[in-house]
Amino acid sequence: LSLNGQSVRATYSTGPAGTWARLGPYNVTLAATGTVAFTSTGGWPNFSGVELWQQTSAPPAAKTASQALAANTSSAAVALAVAYPNPSPNGHYRLLLPGTFTGEVRYRLISVLGATLASGTLPAGATAAELDFAQPLSGTSLSYLLLDDGRLTARLKLVRQ
């Protein structure tokens, strides 16, 4: 495995489909703004995802779990929601909302690059919804569903295979 032409892992086999292992983290300097070249040699690798993190020259400040949660939720409380089947074969999901959501729940489907693919609202008091994302999620894809009622937020990772 190589990043921007620099070998970061040699003699590694990704294994058969369904095998999962987290590799890294690996440091890489971008050759051009926003560009990372991720390559492999020696056959057909099975990659299920790549995480990219931006690192500044200053080391990150240590945070407690509660500080990290507060920073990632923009001072709103986090709610647990579930979407299934996930992965979806056709872009149709059943969304289960916790009873802690109040009022209308706004949703936004975003790509891994941050582009809004779909948006809408669910009625106040809804505990379940059928979401049809077949059109915006064509083919195999990974996206995020953001839910917000003004008080609580939830973020779900959606996969279409």
C-alpha atoms as a PDB file:
ATOM      1  CA  LEU A   1       0.000   0.000   0.000  1.00  0.00           C
ATOM      2  CA  SER A   2       1.345   3.406  -0.928  1.00  0.00           C
ATOM      3  CA  LEU A   3       0.321   6.988  -0.188  1.00  0.00           C
ATOM      4  CA  ASN A   4       1.556   9.628  -2.604  1.00  0.00           C
ATOM      5  CA  GLY A   5       4.131   7.184  -3.933  1.00  0.00           C
ATOM      6  CA  GLN A   6       5.564   6.329  -0.496  1.00  0.00           C
ATOM      7  CA  SER A   7       5.205   2.714   0.665  1.00  0.00           C
ATOM      8  CA  VAL A   8       3.337   2.584   3.987  1.00  0.00           C
ATOM      9  CA  ARG A   9       2.668  -1.175   4.209  1.00  0.00           C
ATOM     10  CA  ALA A  10       4.560  -3.965   2.459  1.00  0.00           C
ATOM     11  CA  THR A  11       3.659  -7.651   2.014  1.00  0.00           C
ATOM     12  CA  TYR A  12       0.117  -7.309   3.320  1.00  0.00           C
ATOM     13  CA  SER A  13      -2.865  -9.316   2.094  1.00  0.00           C
ATOM     14  CA  THR A  14      -6.317  -7.788   2.464  1.00  0.00           C
ATOM     15  CA  GLY A  15      -7.818 -11.293   2.550  1.00  0.00           C
ATOM     16  CA  PRO A  16     -11.109 -12.490   1.090  1.00  0.00           C
ATOM     17  CA  ALA A  17     -14.264 -10.399   0.850  1.00  0.00           C
ATOM     18  CA  GLY A  18     -15.730  -9.802   4.297  1.00  0.00           C
ATOM     19  CA  THR A  19     -12.344  -9.611   6.006  1.00  0.00           C
ATOM     20  CA  TRP A  20     -11.809  -6.369   7.889  1.00  0.00           C
ATOM     21  CA  ALA A  21      -8.722  -4.855   9.474  1.00  0.00           C
ATOM     22  CA  ARG A  22      -7.916  -1.289  10.376  1.00  0.00           C
ATOM     23  CA  LEU A  23      -4.534  -0.237   9.037  1.00  0.00           C
ATOM     24  CA  GLY A  24      -2.708   2.923   9.971  1.00  0.00           C
ATOM     25  CA  PRO A  25      -2.718   5.716  10.764  1.00  0.00           C
ATOM     26  CA  TYR A  26      -0.138   6.775   8.206  1.00  0.00           C
ATOM     27  CA  ASN A  27       1.257  10.276   7.870  1.00  0.00           C
ATOM     28  CA  VAL A  28       1.331  11.760   4.399  1.00  0.00           C
ATOM     29  CA  THR A  29       2.148  15.199   3.041  1.00  0.00           C
ATOM     30  CA  LEU A  30      -0.241  16.301   0.337  1.00  0.00           C
ATOM     31  CA  ALA A  31       1.363  16.674  -3.069  1.00  0.00           C
ATOM     32  CA  ALA A  32      -1.352  19.139  -4.103  1.00  0.00           C
ATOM     33  CA  THR A  33      -4.136  20.733  -2.119  1.00  0.00           C
ATOM     34  CA  GLY A  34      -6.826  18.134  -1.479  1.00  0.00           C
ATOM     35  CA  THR A  35      -5.070  15.280  -3.281  1.00  0.00           C
ATOM     36  CA  VAL A  36      -3.992  11.946  -1.820  1.00  0.00           C
ATOM     37  CA  ALA A  37      -2.904   9.126  -4.154  1.00  0.00           C
ATOM     38  CA  PHE A  38      -3.733   5.766  -2.526  1.00  0.00           C
ATOM     39  CA  THR A  39      -2.404   2.795  -4.512  1.00  0.00           C
ATOM     40  CA  SER A  40      -1.679  -0.899  -4.116  1.00  0.00           C
ATOM     41  CA  THR A  41       0.153  -3.547  -6.077  1.00  0.00           C
ATOM     42  CA  GLY A  42       0.008  -7.319  -6.347  1.00  0.00           C
ATOM     43  CA  GLY A  43      -3.622  -8.117  -7.125  1.00  0.00           C
ATOM     44  CA  TRP A  44      -7.128  -6.904  -6.347  1.00  0.00           C
ATOM     45  CA  PRO A  45      -7.321  -5.449  -2.854  1.00  0.00           C
ATOM     46  CA  ASN A  46     -10.546  -5.283  -0.848  1.00  0.00           C
ATOM     47  CA  PHE A  47     -10.895  -1.776   0.590  1.00  0.00           C
ATOM     48  CA  SER A  48     -13.976  -0.960   2.611  1.00  0.00           C
ATOM     49  CA  GLY A  49     -13.075   2.615   3.475  1.00  0.00           C
ATOM     50  CA  VAL A  50     -10.392   5.229   3.924  1.00  0.00           C
ATOM     51  CA  GLU A  51     -10.281   7.796   6.721  1.00  0.00           C
ATOM     52  CA  LEU A  52      -8.499  11.079   6.090  1.00  0.00           C
ATOM     53  CA  TRP A  53      -7.588  13.394   8.947  1.00  0.00           C
ATOM     54  CA  GLN A  54      -6.034  16.816   8.749  1.00  0.00           C
ATOM     55  CA  GLN A  55      -3.086  17.362  11.029  1.00  0.00           C
ATOM     56  CA  THR A  56      -1.673  20.759  11.875  1.00  0.00           C
ATOM     57  CA  SER A  57       1.877  21.431  12.978  1.00  0.00           C
ATOM     58  CA  ALA A  58       0.737  21.783  16.595  1.00  0.00           C
ATOM     59  CA  PRO A  59      -0.115  18.551  18.432  1.00  0.00           C
ATOM     60  CA  PRO A  60      -3.794  18.223  19.299  1.00  0.00           C
ATOM     61  CA  ALA A  61      -4.790  19.104  22.825  1.00  0.00           C
ATOM     62  CA  ALA A  62      -5.889  16.157  24.947  1.00  0.00           C
ATOM     63  CA  LYS A  63      -9.636  16.046  25.558  1.00  0.00           C
ATOM     64  CA  THR A  64     -11.821  14.060  27.848  1.00  0.00           C
ATOM     65  CA  ALA A  65     -14.607  11.998  26.285  1.00  0.00           C
ATOM     66  CA  SER A  66     -17.217  14.541  27.420  1.00  0.00           C
ATOM     67  CA  GLN A  67     -15.224  17.436  25.911  1.00  0.00           C
ATOM     68  CA  ALA A  68     -14.898  15.554  22.614  1.00  0.00           C
ATOM     69  CA  LEU A  69     -18.630  14.776  22.564  1.00  0.00           C
ATOM     70  CA  ALA A  70     -19.496  18.407  23.275  1.00  0.00           C
ATOM     71  CA  ALA A  71     -17.154  19.612  20.510  1.00  0.00           C
ATOM     72  CA  ASN A  72     -18.634  17.181  17.971  1.00  0.00           C
ATOM     73  CA  THR A  73     -22.273  17.999  18.688  1.00  0.00           C
ATOM     74  CA  SER A  74     -22.159  21.802  18.541  1.00  0.00           C
ATOM     75  CA  SER A  75     -23.633  22.032  22.042  1.00  0.00           C
ATOM     76  CA  ALA A  76     -26.719  20.012  21.069  1.00  0.00           C
ATOM     77  CA  ALA A  77     -27.563  16.725  22.732  1.00  0.00           C
ATOM     78  CA  VAL A  78     -26.991  13.554  20.725  1.00  0.00           C
ATOM     79  CA  ALA A  79     -29.788  11.085  20.064  1.00  0.00           C
ATOM     80  CA  LEU A  80     -29.525   7.493  18.915  1.00  0.00           C
ATOM     81  CA  ALA A  81     -31.355   6.646  15.714  1.00  0.00           C
ATOM     82  CA  VAL A  82     -31.210   3.519  13.548  1.00  0.00           C
ATOM     83  CA  ALA A  83     -31.541   3.000   9.795  1.00  0.00           C
ATOM     84  CA  TYR A  84     -31.961  -0.459   8.264  1.00  0.00           C
ATOM     85  CA  PRO A  85     -31.235  -2.397   6.169  1.00  0.00           C
ATOM     86  CA  ASN A  86     -27.757  -0.946   6.222  1.00  0.00           C
ATOM     87  CA  PRO A  87     -26.142  -1.636   3.818  1.00  0.00           C
ATOM     88  CA  SER A  88     -29.159  -1.273   1.572  1.00  0.00           C
ATOM     89  CA  PRO A  89     -29.311  -3.028  -1.793  1.00  0.00           C
ATOM     90  CA  ASN A  90     -31.565  -0.360  -3.337  1.00  0.00           C
ATOM     91  CA  GLY A  91     -31.241   2.909  -1.370  1.00  0.00           C
ATOM     92  CA  HIS A  92     -34.430   2.367   0.659  1.00  0.00           C
ATOM     93  CA  TYR A  93     -34.057   2.625   4.444  1.00  0.00           C
ATOM     94  CA  ARG A  94     -36.404   2.357   7.418  1.00  0.00           C
ATOM     95  CA  LEU A  95     -35.493   4.982   9.975  1.00  0.00           C
ATOM     96  CA  LEU A  96     -36.285   4.456  13.658  1.00  0.00           C
ATOM     97  CA  LEU A  97     -36.235   7.633  15.745  1.00  0.00           C
ATOM     98  CA  PRO A  98     -35.889   7.735  19.521  1.00  0.00           C
ATOM     99  CA  GLY A  99     -38.826   9.191  21.432  1.00  0.00           C
ATOM    100  CA  THR A 100     -36.530  11.940  22.697  1.00  0.00           C
ATOM    101  CA  PHE A 101     -36.853  13.866  19.430  1.00  0.00           C
ATOM    102  CA  THR A 102     -39.521  16.565  19.713  1.00  0.00           C
ATOM    103  CA  GLY A 103     -41.063  18.657  17.012  1.00  0.00           C
ATOM    104  CA  GLU A 104     -40.232  18.302  13.342  1.00  0.00           C
ATOM    105  CA  VAL A 105     -37.012  16.448  12.590  1.00  0.00           C
ATOM    106  CA  ARG A 106     -35.010  17.893   9.728  1.00  0.00           C
ATOM    107  CA  TYR A 107     -32.844  15.463   7.783  1.00  0.00           C
ATOM    108  CA  ARG A 108     -30.043  15.990   5.325  1.00  0.00           C
ATOM    109  CA  LEU A 109     -28.297  13.268   3.325  1.00  0.00           C
ATOM    110  CA  ILE A 110     -24.710  14.283   2.550  1.00  0.00           C
ATOM    111  CA  SER A 111     -21.945  12.678   0.541  1.00  0.00           C
ATOM    112  CA  VAL A 112     -18.559  11.884   2.056  1.00  0.00           C
ATOM    113  CA  LEU A 113     -17.356  15.090   0.377  1.00  0.00           C
ATOM    114  CA  GLY A 114     -20.033  17.164   2.138  1.00  0.00           C
ATOM    115  CA  ALA A 115     -22.406  17.741  -0.784  1.00  0.00           C
ATOM    116  CA  THR A 116     -26.122  17.703   0.103  1.00  0.00           C
ATOM    117  CA  LEU A 117     -27.801  14.862  -1.802  1.00  0.00           C
ATOM    118  CA  ALA A 118     -31.304  15.097  -0.294  1.00  0.00           C
ATOM    119  CA  SER A 119     -33.105  16.898   2.505  1.00  0.00           C
ATOM    120  CA  GLY A 120     -36.511  17.085   4.103  1.00  0.00           C
ATOM    121  CA  THR A 121     -38.484  17.006   7.330  1.00  0.00           C
ATOM    122  CA  LEU A 122     -40.242  14.318   9.315  1.00  0.00           C
ATOM    123  CA  PRO A 123     -43.444  15.194  11.188  1.00  0.00           C
ATOM    124  CA  ALA A 124     -43.430  15.958  14.906  1.00  0.00           C
ATOM    125  CA  GLY A 125     -43.779  12.825  17.016  1.00  0.00           C
ATOM    126  CA  ALA A 126     -42.636  10.472  14.253  1.00  0.00           C
ATOM    127  CA  THR A 127     -40.892   7.384  15.601  1.00  0.00           C
ATOM    128  CA  ALA A 128     -40.310   5.712  12.231  1.00  0.00           C
ATOM    129  CA  ALA A 129     -40.045   6.732   8.587  1.00  0.00           C
ATOM    130  CA  GLU A 130     -39.454   5.163   5.200  1.00  0.00           C
ATOM    131  CA  LEU A 131     -36.684   6.964   3.308  1.00  0.00           C
ATOM    132  CA  ASP A 132     -36.182   6.454  -0.409  1.00  0.00           C
ATOM    133  CA  PHE A 133     -32.664   7.507  -1.390  1.00  0.00           C
ATOM    134  CA  ALA A 134     -32.510   5.300  -4.499  1.00  0.00           C
ATOM    135  CA  GLN A 135     -32.123   8.333  -6.791  1.00  0.00           C
ATOM    136  CA  PRO A 136     -29.358  10.247  -4.980  1.00  0.00           C
ATOM    137  CA  LEU A 137     -27.538   7.038  -3.968  1.00  0.00           C
ATOM    138  CA  SER A 138     -26.993   5.348  -7.296  1.00  0.00           C
ATOM    139  CA  GLY A 139     -24.592   2.425  -7.245  1.00  0.00           C
ATOM    140  CA  THR A 140     -22.333   1.509  -4.349  1.00  0.00           C
ATOM    141  CA  SER A 141     -21.938   4.488  -2.064  1.00  0.00           C
ATOM    142  CA  LEU A 142     -21.276   5.766   1.430  1.00  0.00           C
ATOM    143  CA  SER A 143     -23.131   8.791   2.790  1.00  0.00           C
ATOM    144  CA  TYR A 144     -24.246  10.346   6.057  1.00  0.00           C
ATOM    145  CA  LEU A 145     -27.746  11.123   7.278  1.00  0.00           C
ATOM    146  CA  LEU A 146     -27.889  14.104   9.627  1.00  0.00           C
ATOM    147  CA  LEU A 147     -30.986  14.480  11.837  1.00  0.00           C
ATOM    148  CA  ASP A 148     -31.809  17.575  13.887  1.00  0.00           C
ATOM    149  CA  ASP A 149     -34.867  18.790  15.777  1.00  0.00           C
ATOM    150  CA  GLY A 150     -33.212  21.974  17.048  1.00  0.00           C
ATOM    151  CA  ARG A 151     -32.442  20.351  20.388  1.00  0.00           C
ATOM    152  CA  LEU A 152     -31.114  16.873  19.535  1.00  0.00           C
ATOM    153  CA  THR A 153     -28.933  15.697  16.671  1.00  0.00           C
ATOM    154  CA  ALA A 154     -28.077  12.301  15.233  1.00  0.00           C
ATOM    155  CA  ARG A 155     -25.662  11.243  12.517  1.00  0.00           C
ATOM    156  CA  LEU A 156     -25.913   7.894  10.746  1.00  0.00           C
ATOM    157  CA  LYS A 157     -23.587   6.354   8.207  1.00  0.00           C
ATOM    158  CA  LEU A 158     -25.569   4.886   5.276  1.00  0.00           C
ATOM    159  CA  VAL A 159     -24.141   2.351   2.854  1.00  0.00           C
ATOM    160  CA  ARG A 160     -25.685   1.283  -0.454  1.00  0.00           C
ATOM    161  CA  GLN A 161     -24.321  -1.862  -2.076  1.00  0.00           C
END
